[in-house]
Amino acid sequence: DVQLQASGGGLVQAGGSLRLSCVTSGFALGRAAIGWFRQAPGKERESVVCSHNRDGDTYYADSVRGRFTISADNGKNTVYLHMNNLKPEDTAVYYCAAEPRGNLLQLWRGRSGHWGQGTLVTVSS
Protein backbone atom coordinates (compact mmCIF):
# COMPACT_ATOMS: atom_id res chain seq x y z
CA ASP A 1 0.00 0.00 0.00
CA VAL A 2 1.12 3.52 -0.75
CA GLN A 3 1.49 5.53 2.43
CA LEU A 4 2.62 9.09 3.10
CA GLN A 5 3.14 10.56 6.56
CA ALA A 6 3.69 14.30 6.82
CA SER A 7 5.13 16.12 9.81
CA GLY A 8 6.93 19.28 10.78
CA GLY A 9 4.13 21.79 10.97
CA GLY A 10 3.90 24.32 13.74
CA LEU A 11 3.69 27.95 14.69
CA VAL A 12 6.21 30.35 13.16
CA GLN A 13 6.50 34.11 12.92
CA ALA A 14 6.21 35.91 9.63
CA GLY A 15 9.56 35.96 7.87
CA GLY A 16 10.59 32.70 9.46
CA SER A 17 11.34 29.30 7.97
CA LEU A 18 10.00 25.81 8.39
CA ARG A 19 10.72 22.42 6.85
CA LEU A 20 8.00 19.85 6.38
CA SER A 21 8.83 16.16 5.95
CA CYS A 22 6.85 13.38 4.34
CA VAL A 23 7.93 9.79 4.86
CA THR A 24 6.73 7.57 2.05
CA SER A 25 6.39 3.84 1.47
CA GLY A 26 4.85 1.37 -0.94
CA PHE A 27 6.23 2.79 -4.17
CA ALA A 28 9.48 3.77 -5.87
CA LEU A 29 10.02 7.35 -4.81
CA GLY A 30 12.74 7.84 -7.40
CA ARG A 31 10.31 7.38 -10.29
CA ALA A 32 7.35 9.23 -8.83
CA ALA A 33 5.90 12.67 -9.15
CA ILE A 34 5.81 14.26 -5.71
CA GLY A 35 4.15 17.33 -4.37
CA TRP A 36 2.75 19.48 -1.62
CA PHE A 37 -0.69 20.98 -1.42
CA ARG A 38 -2.39 23.14 1.16
CA GLN A 39 -5.82 24.10 2.32
CA ALA A 40 -6.47 27.24 4.29
CA PRO A 41 -9.57 27.65 6.46
CA GLY A 42 -12.59 28.31 4.31
CA LYS A 43 -10.68 27.87 1.08
CA GLU A 44 -10.24 25.13 -1.46
CA ARG A 45 -7.17 22.99 -1.60
CA GLU A 46 -4.45 24.43 -3.80
CA SER A 47 -1.32 23.06 -5.38
CA VAL A 48 1.84 24.47 -3.86
CA VAL A 49 4.68 22.66 -5.61
CA CYS A 50 4.98 19.45 -7.58
CA SER A 51 8.06 17.87 -9.08
CA HIS A 52 9.07 14.83 -11.03
CA ASN A 53 11.63 13.24 -8.74
CA ARG A 54 13.73 11.80 -11.57
CA ASP A 55 13.43 14.44 -14.31
CA GLY A 56 13.43 17.45 -12.05
CA ASP A 57 10.53 19.18 -13.81
CA THR A 58 8.81 21.32 -11.19
CA TYR A 59 5.63 23.38 -10.97
CA TYR A 60 5.33 26.13 -8.36
CA ALA A 61 2.33 28.19 -7.36
CA ASP A 62 3.05 31.85 -8.07
CA SER A 63 2.40 32.69 -4.43
CA VAL A 64 5.32 30.55 -3.21
CA ARG A 65 7.79 30.76 -6.08
CA GLY A 66 11.17 31.85 -4.82
CA ARG A 67 10.26 31.08 -1.21
CA PHE A 68 9.40 27.37 -1.17
CA THR A 69 11.47 24.45 -2.48
CA ILE A 70 10.71 20.75 -2.77
CA SER A 71 13.35 18.09 -2.39
CA ALA A 72 13.56 14.35 -1.85
CA ASP A 73 15.96 11.94 -0.19
CA ASN A 74 15.37 8.67 -1.99
CA GLY A 75 17.51 6.76 0.46
CA LYS A 76 15.24 7.85 3.30
CA ASN A 77 12.05 7.65 1.22
CA THR A 78 11.31 11.18 2.37
CA VAL A 79 10.05 14.27 0.61
CA TYR A 80 10.66 17.74 2.04
CA LEU A 81 9.10 21.15 1.67
CA HIS A 82 11.47 23.95 2.58
CA MET A 83 9.55 27.12 3.33
CA ASN A 84 11.31 30.46 3.73
CA ASN A 85 10.10 33.99 4.30
CA LEU A 86 6.76 32.70 5.50
CA LYS A 87 3.75 34.98 5.39
CA PRO A 88 0.49 34.88 7.35
CA GLU A 89 -1.31 33.90 4.14
CA ASP A 90 0.75 30.70 4.10
CA THR A 91 -1.24 29.50 7.09
CA ALA A 92 -2.89 26.24 6.10
CA VAL A 93 -2.94 22.50 6.50
CA TYR A 94 -0.24 21.12 4.23
CA TYR A 95 -0.53 17.75 2.55
CA CYS A 96 2.10 15.72 0.76
CA ALA A 97 1.16 13.66 -2.27
CA ALA A 98 2.73 11.31 -4.76
CA GLU A 99 1.85 9.95 -8.15
CA PRO A 100 3.87 6.69 -8.39
CA ARG A 101 3.62 6.47 -12.19
CA GLY A 102 5.32 9.85 -12.48
CA ASN A 103 2.41 11.73 -14.04
CA LEU A 104 3.41 15.20 -12.88
CA LEU A 105 0.65 17.17 -14.57
CA GLN A 106 -2.10 14.93 -13.24
CA LEU A 107 -0.67 15.31 -9.75
CA TRP A 108 -0.40 19.09 -10.09
CA ARG A 109 -4.02 19.28 -11.18
CA GLY A 110 -5.06 17.06 -8.30
CA ARG A 111 -6.54 14.46 -10.62
CA SER A 112 -4.30 11.58 -9.63
CA GLY A 113 -2.12 10.49 -6.78
CA HIS A 114 -2.00 9.31 -3.21
CA TRP A 115 -2.30 11.65 -0.27
CA GLY A 116 -1.04 11.76 3.26
CA GLN A 117 -2.64 13.30 6.28
CA GLY A 118 -2.05 16.99 6.73
CA THR A 119 0.20 18.97 9.01
CA LEU A 120 -0.83 22.42 10.21
CA VAL A 121 1.36 25.44 9.56
CA THR A 122 0.42 28.66 11.31
CA VAL A 123 2.25 31.88 10.49
CA SER A 124 1.74 34.74 12.92
CA SER A 125 2.09 38.37 11.90
C-alpha atoms as a PDB file:
ATOM      1  CA  ASP A   1       0.000   0.000   0.000  1.00  0.00           C
ATOM      2  CA  VAL A   2       1.122   3.518  -0.753  1.00  0.00           C
ATOM      3  CA  GLN A   3       1.495   5.526   2.426  1.00  0.00           C
ATOM      4  CA  LEU A   4       2.620   9.088   3.103  1.00  0.00           C
ATOM      5  CA  GLN A   5       3.141  10.561   6.562  1.00  0.00           C
ATOM      6  CA  ALA A   6       3.692  14.305   6.816  1.00  0.00           C
ATOM      7  CA  SER A   7       5.129  16.118   9.809  1.00  0.00           C
ATOM      8  CA  GLY A   8       6.930  19.277  10.778  1.00  0.00           C
ATOM      9  CA  GLY A   9       4.132  21.792  10.965  1.00  0.00           C
ATOM     10  CA  GLY A  10       3.896  24.315  13.744  1.00  0.00           C
ATOM     11  CA  LEU A  11       3.687  27.952  14.689  1.00  0.00           C
ATOM     12  CA  VAL A  12       6.211  30.348  13.161  1.00  0.00           C
ATOM     13  CA  GLN A  13       6.497  34.107  12.924  1.00  0.00           C
ATOM     14  CA  ALA A  14       6.212  35.912   9.626  1.00  0.00           C
ATOM     15  CA  GLY A  15       9.563  35.962   7.868  1.00  0.00           C
ATOM     16  CA  GLY A  16      10.593  32.699   9.463  1.00  0.00           C
ATOM     17  CA  SER A  17      11.339  29.298   7.968  1.00  0.00           C
ATOM     18  CA  LEU A  18      10.001  25.805   8.390  1.00  0.00           C
ATOM     19  CA  ARG A  19      10.717  22.418   6.850  1.00  0.00           C
ATOM     20  CA  LEU A  20       7.996  19.847   6.376  1.00  0.00           C
ATOM     21  CA  SER A  21       8.832  16.161   5.949  1.00  0.00           C
ATOM     22  CA  CYS A  22       6.850  13.377   4.344  1.00  0.00           C
ATOM     23  CA  VAL A  23       7.934   9.786   4.856  1.00  0.00           C
ATOM     24  CA  THR A  24       6.732   7.565   2.045  1.00  0.00           C
ATOM     25  CA  SER A  25       6.389   3.836   1.475  1.00  0.00           C
ATOM     26  CA  GLY A  26       4.851   1.368  -0.936  1.00  0.00           C
ATOM     27  CA  PHE A  27       6.234   2.790  -4.173  1.00  0.00           C
ATOM     28  CA  ALA A  28       9.478   3.768  -5.868  1.00  0.00           C
ATOM     29  CA  LEU A  29      10.022   7.354  -4.814  1.00  0.00           C
ATOM     30  CA  GLY A  30      12.742   7.835  -7.400  1.00  0.00           C
ATOM     31  CA  ARG A  31      10.312   7.379 -10.292  1.00  0.00           C
ATOM     32  CA  ALA A  32       7.353   9.226  -8.828  1.00  0.00           C
ATOM     33  CA  ALA A  33       5.900  12.667  -9.154  1.00  0.00           C
ATOM     34  CA  ILE A  34       5.813  14.262  -5.712  1.00  0.00           C
ATOM     35  CA  GLY A  35       4.146  17.329  -4.367  1.00  0.00           C
ATOM     36  CA  TRP A  36       2.754  19.475  -1.617  1.00  0.00           C
ATOM     37  CA  PHE A  37      -0.686  20.981  -1.417  1.00  0.00           C
ATOM     38  CA  ARG A  38      -2.393  23.141   1.160  1.00  0.00           C
ATOM     39  CA  GLN A  39      -5.825  24.097   2.320  1.00  0.00           C
ATOM     40  CA  ALA A  40      -6.467  27.245   4.290  1.00  0.00           C
ATOM     41  CA  PRO A  41      -9.569  27.655   6.458  1.00  0.00           C
ATOM     42  CA  GLY A  42     -12.587  28.310   4.314  1.00  0.00           C
ATOM     43  CA  LYS A  43     -10.678  27.867   1.080  1.00  0.00           C
ATOM     44  CA  GLU A  44     -10.242  25.134  -1.462  1.00  0.00           C
ATOM     45  CA  ARG A  45      -7.166  22.994  -1.604  1.00  0.00           C
ATOM     46  CA  GLU A  46      -4.446  24.435  -3.802  1.00  0.00           C
ATOM     47  CA  SER A  47      -1.319  23.058  -5.377  1.00  0.00           C
ATOM     48  CA  VAL A  48       1.839  24.473  -3.855  1.00  0.00           C
ATOM     49  CA  VAL A  49       4.684  22.660  -5.607  1.00  0.00           C
ATOM     50  CA  CYS A  50       4.985  19.449  -7.575  1.00  0.00           C
ATOM     51  CA  SER A  51       8.058  17.870  -9.076  1.00  0.00           C
ATOM     52  CA  HIS A  52       9.073  14.834 -11.027  1.00  0.00           C
ATOM     53  CA  ASN A  53      11.628  13.243  -8.743  1.00  0.00           C
ATOM     54  CA  ARG A  54      13.734  11.803 -11.574  1.00  0.00           C
ATOM     55  CA  ASP A  55      13.432  14.438 -14.305  1.00  0.00           C
ATOM     56  CA  GLY A  56      13.428  17.452 -12.048  1.00  0.00           C
ATOM     57  CA  ASP A  57      10.532  19.179 -13.812  1.00  0.00           C
ATOM     58  CA  THR A  58       8.811  21.323 -11.193  1.00  0.00           C
ATOM     59  CA  TYR A  59       5.631  23.378 -10.973  1.00  0.00           C
ATOM     60  CA  TYR A  60       5.328  26.129  -8.363  1.00  0.00           C
ATOM     61  CA  ALA A  61       2.334  28.185  -7.361  1.00  0.00           C
ATOM     62  CA  ASP A  62       3.048  31.847  -8.066  1.00  0.00           C
ATOM     63  CA  SER A  63       2.399  32.691  -4.429  1.00  0.00           C
ATOM     64  CA  VAL A  64       5.320  30.546  -3.212  1.00  0.00           C
ATOM     65  CA  ARG A  65       7.789  30.762  -6.085  1.00  0.00           C
ATOM     66  CA  GLY A  66      11.175  31.854  -4.817  1.00  0.00           C
ATOM     67  CA  ARG A  67      10.264  31.079  -1.209  1.00  0.00           C
ATOM     68  CA  PHE A  68       9.405  27.365  -1.175  1.00  0.00           C
ATOM     69  CA  THR A  69      11.470  24.451  -2.478  1.00  0.00           C
ATOM     70  CA  ILE A  70      10.707  20.753  -2.765  1.00  0.00           C
ATOM     71  CA  SER A  71      13.354  18.088  -2.389  1.00  0.00           C
ATOM     72  CA  ALA A  72      13.559  14.351  -1.852  1.00  0.00           C
ATOM     73  CA  ASP A  73      15.956  11.943  -0.190  1.00  0.00           C
ATOM     74  CA  ASN A  74      15.366   8.671  -1.995  1.00  0.00           C
ATOM     75  CA  GLY A  75      17.513   6.763   0.464  1.00  0.00           C
ATOM     76  CA  LYS A  76      15.244   7.849   3.301  1.00  0.00           C
ATOM     77  CA  ASN A  77      12.049   7.649   1.221  1.00  0.00           C
ATOM     78  CA  THR A  78      11.313  11.178   2.370  1.00  0.00           C
ATOM     79  CA  VAL A  79      10.049  14.274   0.611  1.00  0.00           C
ATOM     80  CA  TYR A  80      10.659  17.737   2.043  1.00  0.00           C
ATOM     81  CA  LEU A  81       9.099  21.151   1.671  1.00  0.00           C
ATOM     82  CA  HIS A  82      11.469  23.946   2.577  1.00  0.00           C
ATOM     83  CA  MET A  83       9.549  27.123   3.331  1.00  0.00           C
ATOM     84  CA  ASN A  84      11.315  30.459   3.727  1.00  0.00           C
ATOM     85  CA  ASN A  85      10.097  33.994   4.304  1.00  0.00           C
ATOM     86  CA  LEU A  86       6.765  32.704   5.505  1.00  0.00           C
ATOM     87  CA  LYS A  87       3.753  34.975   5.393  1.00  0.00           C
ATOM     88  CA  PRO A  88       0.492  34.878   7.355  1.00  0.00           C
ATOM     89  CA  GLU A  89      -1.306  33.901   4.144  1.00  0.00           C
ATOM     90  CA  ASP A  90       0.753  30.696   4.097  1.00  0.00           C
ATOM     91  CA  THR A  91      -1.238  29.500   7.091  1.00  0.00           C
ATOM     92  CA  ALA A  92      -2.892  26.243   6.097  1.00  0.00           C
ATOM     93  CA  VAL A  93      -2.935  22.504   6.496  1.00  0.00           C
ATOM     94  CA  TYR A  94      -0.235  21.125   4.231  1.00  0.00           C
ATOM     95  CA  TYR A  95      -0.529  17.751   2.555  1.00  0.00           C
ATOM     96  CA  CYS A  96       2.097  15.717   0.756  1.00  0.00           C
ATOM     97  CA  ALA A  97       1.157  13.655  -2.266  1.00  0.00           C
ATOM     98  CA  ALA A  98       2.728  11.311  -4.758  1.00  0.00           C
ATOM     99  CA  GLU A  99       1.853   9.949  -8.153  1.00  0.00           C
ATOM    100  CA  PRO A 100       3.868   6.686  -8.385  1.00  0.00           C
ATOM    101  CA  ARG A 101       3.623   6.474 -12.190  1.00  0.00           C
ATOM    102  CA  GLY A 102       5.315   9.851 -12.485  1.00  0.00           C
ATOM    103  CA  ASN A 103       2.414  11.732 -14.045  1.00  0.00           C
ATOM    104  CA  LEU A 104       3.413  15.197 -12.879  1.00  0.00           C
ATOM    105  CA  LEU A 105       0.646  17.168 -14.567  1.00  0.00           C
ATOM    106  CA  GLN A 106      -2.096  14.927 -13.241  1.00  0.00           C
ATOM    107  CA  LEU A 107      -0.675  15.309  -9.750  1.00  0.00           C
ATOM    108  CA  TRP A 108      -0.401  19.094 -10.087  1.00  0.00           C
ATOM    109  CA  ARG A 109      -4.022  19.277 -11.185  1.00  0.00           C
ATOM    110  CA  GLY A 110      -5.057  17.060  -8.296  1.00  0.00           C
ATOM    111  CA  ARG A 111      -6.536  14.463 -10.623  1.00  0.00           C
ATOM    112  CA  SER A 112      -4.305  11.578  -9.632  1.00  0.00           C
ATOM    113  CA  GLY A 113      -2.119  10.486  -6.775  1.00  0.00           C
ATOM    114  CA  HIS A 114      -2.003   9.310  -3.206  1.00  0.00           C
ATOM    115  CA  TRP A 115      -2.301  11.650  -0.266  1.00  0.00           C
ATOM    116  CA  GLY A 116      -1.038  11.758   3.258  1.00  0.00           C
ATOM    117  CA  GLN A 117      -2.644  13.300   6.284  1.00  0.00           C
ATOM    118  CA  GLY A 118      -2.045  16.987   6.730  1.00  0.00           C
ATOM    119  CA  THR A 119       0.199  18.969   9.008  1.00  0.00           C
ATOM    120  CA  LEU A 120      -0.835  22.417  10.207  1.00  0.00           C
ATOM    121  CA  VAL A 121       1.362  25.442   9.556  1.00  0.00           C
ATOM    122  CA  THR A 122       0.422  28.662  11.305  1.00  0.00           C
ATOM    123  CA  VAL A 123       2.250  31.882  10.492  1.00  0.00           C
ATOM    124  CA  SER A 124       1.741  34.739  12.920  1.00  0.00           C
ATOM    125  CA  SER A 125       2.094  38.366  11.897  1.00  0.00           C
END
